[in-house]
Amino acid sequence: MDKNMKSLIYLNELRAGSGEVGEALLAKFLLAFLQAENKPEYIICVNEAVRLSTERGRVGYAALKELEHAGLKVLSCGTCLEAYKLTDKLSIGVISNAVEIANLLSSHKQITL
């Protein structure tokens, strides 16, 4: 990847792949970005993935918190938070909207897990 190209992690689910190890695997991949040479600028959580930024019991919660602490910007879809009744539980990052997410998706290389 071009070192100057901005990137983001796009999370749509609570797991990487399928099966029982999927949630733990996602957490491991997220933590690996702490040591990556070219860190992404944003992590965007949509659909079920908003649970990672709201539910402390999720395996990936701590990894997401560490990435935020390392300077990555974490955005959670406001419509998704509302649909799951989690808006008031957001504890990592900020609430975003479709326009902001669309702008970021169109201007950054996307990493999906």
N, C-alpha and C. Protein backbone atom coordinates (compact mmCIF):
# COMPACT_ATOMS: atom_id res chain seq x y z
N MET A 1 0.85 -1.17 0.00
CA MET A 1 0.00 0.00 0.00
C MET A 1 0.89 1.23 0.00
N ASP A 2 0.51 2.24 -0.73
CA ASP A 2 1.20 3.53 -0.77
C ASP A 2 1.22 4.12 0.63
N LYS A 3 2.42 4.47 1.12
CA LYS A 3 2.56 4.98 2.48
C LYS A 3 1.80 6.28 2.69
N ASN A 4 1.59 7.05 1.63
CA ASN A 4 0.90 8.33 1.74
C ASN A 4 -0.62 8.21 1.58
N MET A 5 -1.09 7.04 1.19
CA MET A 5 -2.53 6.86 0.98
C MET A 5 -3.23 6.68 2.32
N LYS A 6 -4.26 7.47 2.56
CA LYS A 6 -5.04 7.36 3.79
C LYS A 6 -5.92 6.11 3.71
N SER A 7 -6.10 5.47 4.85
CA SER A 7 -6.93 4.27 4.86
C SER A 7 -7.85 4.28 6.08
N LEU A 8 -8.82 3.40 6.04
CA LEU A 8 -9.75 3.22 7.15
C LEU A 8 -10.13 1.76 7.25
N ILE A 9 -10.51 1.36 8.45
CA ILE A 9 -11.02 0.01 8.67
C ILE A 9 -12.54 0.10 8.68
N TYR A 10 -13.18 -0.69 7.84
CA TYR A 10 -14.64 -0.71 7.74
C TYR A 10 -15.14 -2.00 8.38
N LEU A 11 -15.82 -1.86 9.52
CA LEU A 11 -16.36 -3.02 10.23
C LEU A 11 -17.87 -3.07 10.07
N ASN A 12 -18.35 -4.20 9.58
CA ASN A 12 -19.77 -4.41 9.35
C ASN A 12 -20.34 -5.48 10.28
N GLU A 13 -19.45 -6.27 10.89
CA GLU A 13 -19.88 -7.38 11.74
C GLU A 13 -19.05 -7.41 13.02
N LEU A 14 -19.40 -8.30 13.92
CA LEU A 14 -18.70 -8.44 15.19
C LEU A 14 -17.54 -9.42 15.09
N ARG A 15 -17.32 -9.99 13.94
CA ARG A 15 -16.32 -11.05 13.81
C ARG A 15 -15.60 -10.95 12.48
N ALA A 16 -14.46 -11.61 12.41
CA ALA A 16 -13.72 -11.75 11.15
C ALA A 16 -13.98 -13.17 10.66
N GLY A 17 -14.62 -13.30 9.54
CA GLY A 17 -14.96 -14.62 9.02
C GLY A 17 -16.11 -15.23 9.78
N SER A 18 -16.20 -16.54 9.70
CA SER A 18 -17.30 -17.23 10.37
C SER A 18 -16.74 -18.20 11.41
N GLY A 19 -17.62 -18.81 12.13
CA GLY A 19 -17.20 -19.80 13.12
C GLY A 19 -17.03 -19.21 14.50
N GLU A 20 -16.71 -20.08 15.44
CA GLU A 20 -16.64 -19.71 16.85
C GLU A 20 -15.49 -18.77 17.16
N VAL A 21 -14.43 -18.82 16.40
CA VAL A 21 -13.26 -17.99 16.70
C VAL A 21 -13.34 -16.60 16.07
N GLY A 22 -14.40 -16.32 15.35
CA GLY A 22 -14.52 -15.07 14.60
C GLY A 22 -14.35 -13.80 15.42
N GLU A 23 -14.98 -13.74 16.62
CA GLU A 23 -14.86 -12.53 17.45
C GLU A 23 -13.45 -12.36 17.98
N ALA A 24 -12.83 -13.43 18.44
CA ALA A 24 -11.46 -13.37 18.93
C ALA A 24 -10.49 -13.02 17.80
N LEU A 25 -10.74 -13.56 16.63
CA LEU A 25 -9.91 -13.27 15.47
C LEU A 25 -9.98 -11.79 15.10
N LEU A 26 -11.17 -11.22 15.13
CA LEU A 26 -11.32 -9.80 14.85
C LEU A 26 -10.52 -8.97 15.85
N ALA A 27 -10.61 -9.30 17.12
CA ALA A 27 -9.86 -8.56 18.15
C ALA A 27 -8.36 -8.64 17.89
N LYS A 28 -7.87 -9.82 17.52
CA LYS A 28 -6.43 -9.98 17.22
C LYS A 28 -6.01 -9.14 16.03
N PHE A 29 -6.83 -9.14 14.96
CA PHE A 29 -6.51 -8.32 13.79
C PHE A 29 -6.50 -6.84 14.16
N LEU A 30 -7.48 -6.40 14.94
CA LEU A 30 -7.53 -5.00 15.33
C LEU A 30 -6.28 -4.62 16.12
N LEU A 31 -5.89 -5.46 17.07
CA LEU A 31 -4.69 -5.18 17.86
C LEU A 31 -3.42 -5.16 17.01
N ALA A 32 -3.39 -5.95 15.95
CA ALA A 32 -2.23 -5.98 15.07
C ALA A 32 -1.99 -4.61 14.42
N PHE A 33 -3.06 -3.84 14.23
CA PHE A 33 -2.89 -2.51 13.63
C PHE A 33 -2.13 -1.55 14.54
N LEU A 34 -2.04 -1.86 15.83
CA LEU A 34 -1.23 -1.03 16.73
C LEU A 34 0.24 -1.09 16.34
N GLN A 35 0.66 -2.20 15.75
CA GLN A 35 2.05 -2.37 15.36
C GLN A 35 2.27 -2.21 13.86
N ALA A 36 1.23 -1.93 13.13
CA ALA A 36 1.35 -1.78 11.68
C ALA A 36 2.15 -0.53 11.33
N GLU A 37 2.94 -0.65 10.30
CA GLU A 37 3.74 0.49 9.84
C GLU A 37 2.85 1.63 9.36
N ASN A 38 1.81 1.29 8.63
CA ASN A 38 0.88 2.28 8.09
C ASN A 38 -0.48 2.11 8.76
N LYS A 39 -0.67 2.82 9.85
CA LYS A 39 -1.92 2.71 10.58
C LYS A 39 -3.05 3.41 9.83
N PRO A 40 -4.24 2.84 9.89
CA PRO A 40 -5.38 3.54 9.29
C PRO A 40 -5.73 4.78 10.10
N GLU A 41 -6.44 5.68 9.48
CA GLU A 41 -6.83 6.93 10.13
C GLU A 41 -8.14 6.77 10.90
N TYR A 42 -9.05 5.96 10.37
CA TYR A 42 -10.39 5.80 10.94
C TYR A 42 -10.74 4.34 11.08
N ILE A 43 -11.67 4.08 12.01
CA ILE A 43 -12.37 2.80 12.09
C ILE A 43 -13.85 3.17 12.04
N ILE A 44 -14.55 2.62 11.07
CA ILE A 44 -15.98 2.91 10.92
C ILE A 44 -16.76 1.65 11.29
N CYS A 45 -17.67 1.79 12.25
CA CYS A 45 -18.51 0.68 12.70
C CYS A 45 -19.94 0.90 12.21
N VAL A 46 -20.45 -0.07 11.47
CA VAL A 46 -21.84 -0.03 11.00
C VAL A 46 -22.50 -1.36 11.33
N ASN A 47 -23.82 -1.39 11.20
CA ASN A 47 -24.61 -2.59 11.48
C ASN A 47 -24.22 -3.18 12.84
N GLU A 48 -24.06 -4.49 12.92
CA GLU A 48 -23.75 -5.16 14.19
C GLU A 48 -22.44 -4.67 14.82
N ALA A 49 -21.53 -4.16 14.02
CA ALA A 49 -20.22 -3.74 14.54
C ALA A 49 -20.32 -2.57 15.53
N VAL A 50 -21.45 -1.84 15.54
CA VAL A 50 -21.57 -0.77 16.53
C VAL A 50 -21.58 -1.32 17.95
N ARG A 51 -21.85 -2.60 18.09
CA ARG A 51 -21.81 -3.22 19.42
C ARG A 51 -20.39 -3.22 19.99
N LEU A 52 -19.38 -3.18 19.12
CA LEU A 52 -17.99 -3.14 19.57
C LEU A 52 -17.67 -1.83 20.29
N SER A 53 -18.35 -0.76 19.92
CA SER A 53 -18.08 0.55 20.53
C SER A 53 -19.02 0.87 21.69
N THR A 54 -19.89 -0.08 22.01
CA THR A 54 -20.89 0.17 23.05
C THR A 54 -20.96 -0.90 24.14
N GLU A 55 -20.58 -2.11 23.84
CA GLU A 55 -20.76 -3.22 24.78
C GLU A 55 -19.40 -3.70 25.30
N ARG A 56 -19.09 -3.31 26.52
CA ARG A 56 -17.79 -3.61 27.13
C ARG A 56 -17.49 -5.11 27.20
N GLY A 57 -18.50 -5.94 27.19
CA GLY A 57 -18.30 -7.39 27.28
C GLY A 57 -17.86 -8.04 25.97
N ARG A 58 -17.88 -7.30 24.88
CA ARG A 58 -17.48 -7.85 23.59
C ARG A 58 -15.97 -8.06 23.55
N VAL A 59 -15.53 -9.14 22.92
CA VAL A 59 -14.12 -9.46 22.83
C VAL A 59 -13.34 -8.32 22.15
N GLY A 60 -13.91 -7.70 21.14
CA GLY A 60 -13.22 -6.66 20.40
C GLY A 60 -13.25 -5.28 21.03
N TYR A 61 -14.01 -5.11 22.11
CA TYR A 61 -14.16 -3.80 22.75
C TYR A 61 -12.80 -3.24 23.19
N ALA A 62 -12.02 -4.03 23.92
CA ALA A 62 -10.73 -3.56 24.44
C ALA A 62 -9.78 -3.20 23.30
N ALA A 63 -9.78 -3.99 22.25
CA ALA A 63 -8.92 -3.70 21.10
C ALA A 63 -9.30 -2.36 20.46
N LEU A 64 -10.61 -2.15 20.30
CA LEU A 64 -11.08 -0.90 19.71
C LEU A 64 -10.69 0.29 20.60
N LYS A 65 -10.80 0.12 21.90
CA LYS A 65 -10.44 1.17 22.86
C LYS A 65 -8.95 1.50 22.75
N GLU A 66 -8.11 0.47 22.63
CA GLU A 66 -6.67 0.68 22.49
C GLU A 66 -6.34 1.43 21.20
N LEU A 67 -7.02 1.10 20.13
CA LEU A 67 -6.79 1.80 18.86
C LEU A 67 -7.19 3.27 18.96
N GLU A 68 -8.29 3.52 19.64
CA GLU A 68 -8.71 4.91 19.84
C GLU A 68 -7.65 5.65 20.66
N HIS A 69 -7.16 5.02 21.70
CA HIS A 69 -6.13 5.62 22.55
C HIS A 69 -4.84 5.90 21.75
N ALA A 70 -4.58 5.07 20.74
CA ALA A 70 -3.40 5.25 19.88
C ALA A 70 -3.61 6.33 18.82
N GLY A 71 -4.79 6.94 18.79
CA GLY A 71 -5.03 8.05 17.87
C GLY A 71 -5.92 7.77 16.68
N LEU A 72 -6.39 6.53 16.52
CA LEU A 72 -7.32 6.27 15.42
C LEU A 72 -8.69 6.84 15.78
N LYS A 73 -9.36 7.39 14.80
CA LYS A 73 -10.69 7.97 15.02
C LYS A 73 -11.74 6.88 14.79
N VAL A 74 -12.58 6.66 15.79
CA VAL A 74 -13.61 5.63 15.72
C VAL A 74 -14.96 6.29 15.51
N LEU A 75 -15.64 5.91 14.45
CA LEU A 75 -16.96 6.45 14.12
C LEU A 75 -17.98 5.32 14.12
N SER A 76 -19.11 5.55 14.78
CA SER A 76 -20.19 4.56 14.77
C SER A 76 -21.41 5.17 14.08
N CYS A 77 -22.04 4.39 13.25
CA CYS A 77 -23.22 4.81 12.50
C CYS A 77 -24.36 5.15 13.45
N GLY A 78 -24.83 6.39 13.40
CA GLY A 78 -25.91 6.83 14.26
C GLY A 78 -27.21 6.08 14.03
N THR A 79 -27.54 5.82 12.79
CA THR A 79 -28.76 5.08 12.47
C THR A 79 -28.70 3.67 13.05
N CYS A 80 -27.54 3.05 12.97
CA CYS A 80 -27.36 1.69 13.52
C CYS A 80 -27.47 1.71 15.03
N LEU A 81 -26.85 2.69 15.68
CA LEU A 81 -26.94 2.81 17.13
C LEU A 81 -28.39 2.97 17.57
N GLU A 82 -29.14 3.79 16.83
CA GLU A 82 -30.56 4.00 17.15
C GLU A 82 -31.35 2.71 16.96
N ALA A 83 -31.08 1.99 15.88
CA ALA A 83 -31.81 0.75 15.58
C ALA A 83 -31.62 -0.30 16.67
N TYR A 84 -30.41 -0.37 17.22
CA TYR A 84 -30.12 -1.34 18.28
C TYR A 84 -30.32 -0.76 19.68
N LYS A 85 -30.83 0.48 19.73
CA LYS A 85 -31.06 1.17 21.02
C LYS A 85 -29.78 1.23 21.86
N LEU A 86 -28.68 1.64 21.21
CA LEU A 86 -27.38 1.70 21.86
C LEU A 86 -26.78 3.11 21.89
N THR A 87 -27.51 4.09 21.41
CA THR A 87 -26.97 5.44 21.32
C THR A 87 -26.40 5.93 22.64
N ASP A 88 -27.12 5.72 23.72
CA ASP A 88 -26.68 6.21 25.03
C ASP A 88 -25.58 5.35 25.64
N LYS A 89 -25.22 4.24 24.99
CA LYS A 89 -24.19 3.35 25.51
C LYS A 89 -22.84 3.54 24.80
N LEU A 90 -22.79 4.42 23.81
CA LEU A 90 -21.54 4.64 23.07
C LEU A 90 -20.44 5.07 24.03
N SER A 91 -19.34 4.31 24.07
CA SER A 91 -18.24 4.64 24.98
C SER A 91 -16.88 4.69 24.28
N ILE A 92 -16.87 4.41 22.98
CA ILE A 92 -15.65 4.54 22.19
C ILE A 92 -16.01 5.35 20.95
N GLY A 93 -15.25 6.40 20.68
CA GLY A 93 -15.46 7.19 19.47
C GLY A 93 -16.67 8.09 19.53
N VAL A 94 -17.15 8.43 18.34
CA VAL A 94 -18.26 9.38 18.20
C VAL A 94 -19.31 8.83 17.25
N ILE A 95 -20.48 9.44 17.32
CA ILE A 95 -21.58 9.09 16.41
C ILE A 95 -21.34 9.79 15.08
N SER A 96 -21.55 9.05 14.01
CA SER A 96 -21.39 9.60 12.67
C SER A 96 -22.70 9.46 11.90
N ASN A 97 -22.69 9.88 10.65
CA ASN A 97 -23.89 9.80 9.81
C ASN A 97 -23.51 9.33 8.41
N ALA A 98 -24.52 9.07 7.61
CA ALA A 98 -24.30 8.52 6.27
C ALA A 98 -23.45 9.43 5.39
N VAL A 99 -23.65 10.73 5.49
CA VAL A 99 -22.89 11.66 4.64
C VAL A 99 -21.41 11.62 4.99
N GLU A 100 -21.09 11.69 6.28
CA GLU A 100 -19.69 11.66 6.70
C GLU A 100 -19.03 10.33 6.33
N ILE A 101 -19.74 9.24 6.58
CA ILE A 101 -19.20 7.92 6.25
C ILE A 101 -19.01 7.78 4.75
N ALA A 102 -19.96 8.22 3.95
CA ALA A 102 -19.83 8.15 2.49
C ALA A 102 -18.62 8.96 2.01
N ASN A 103 -18.41 10.12 2.57
CA ASN A 103 -17.26 10.94 2.20
C ASN A 103 -15.95 10.23 2.54
N LEU A 104 -15.89 9.62 3.71
CA LEU A 104 -14.67 8.90 4.10
C LEU A 104 -14.45 7.67 3.23
N LEU A 105 -15.52 6.94 2.94
CA LEU A 105 -15.38 5.74 2.10
C LEU A 105 -14.91 6.09 0.69
N SER A 106 -15.30 7.25 0.21
CA SER A 106 -14.91 7.64 -1.14
C SER A 106 -13.53 8.28 -1.20
N SER A 107 -12.95 8.62 -0.06
CA SER A 107 -11.65 9.29 -0.07
C SER A 107 -10.52 8.49 0.60
N HIS A 108 -10.82 7.31 1.11
CA HIS A 108 -9.83 6.49 1.81
C HIS A 108 -9.84 5.06 1.26
N LYS A 109 -8.67 4.43 1.30
CA LYS A 109 -8.59 3.01 0.96
C LYS A 109 -9.26 2.23 2.09
N GLN A 110 -10.11 1.28 1.75
CA GLN A 110 -10.87 0.54 2.75
C GLN A 110 -10.21 -0.79 3.09
N ILE A 111 -10.12 -1.05 4.39
CA ILE A 111 -9.63 -2.32 4.89
C ILE A 111 -10.83 -3.00 5.54
N THR A 112 -11.19 -4.18 5.08
CA THR A 112 -12.29 -4.92 5.69
C THR A 112 -11.74 -6.18 6.33
N LEU A 113 -12.31 -6.55 7.46
CA LEU A 113 -11.85 -7.74 8.19
C LEU A 113 -12.96 -8.76 8.24
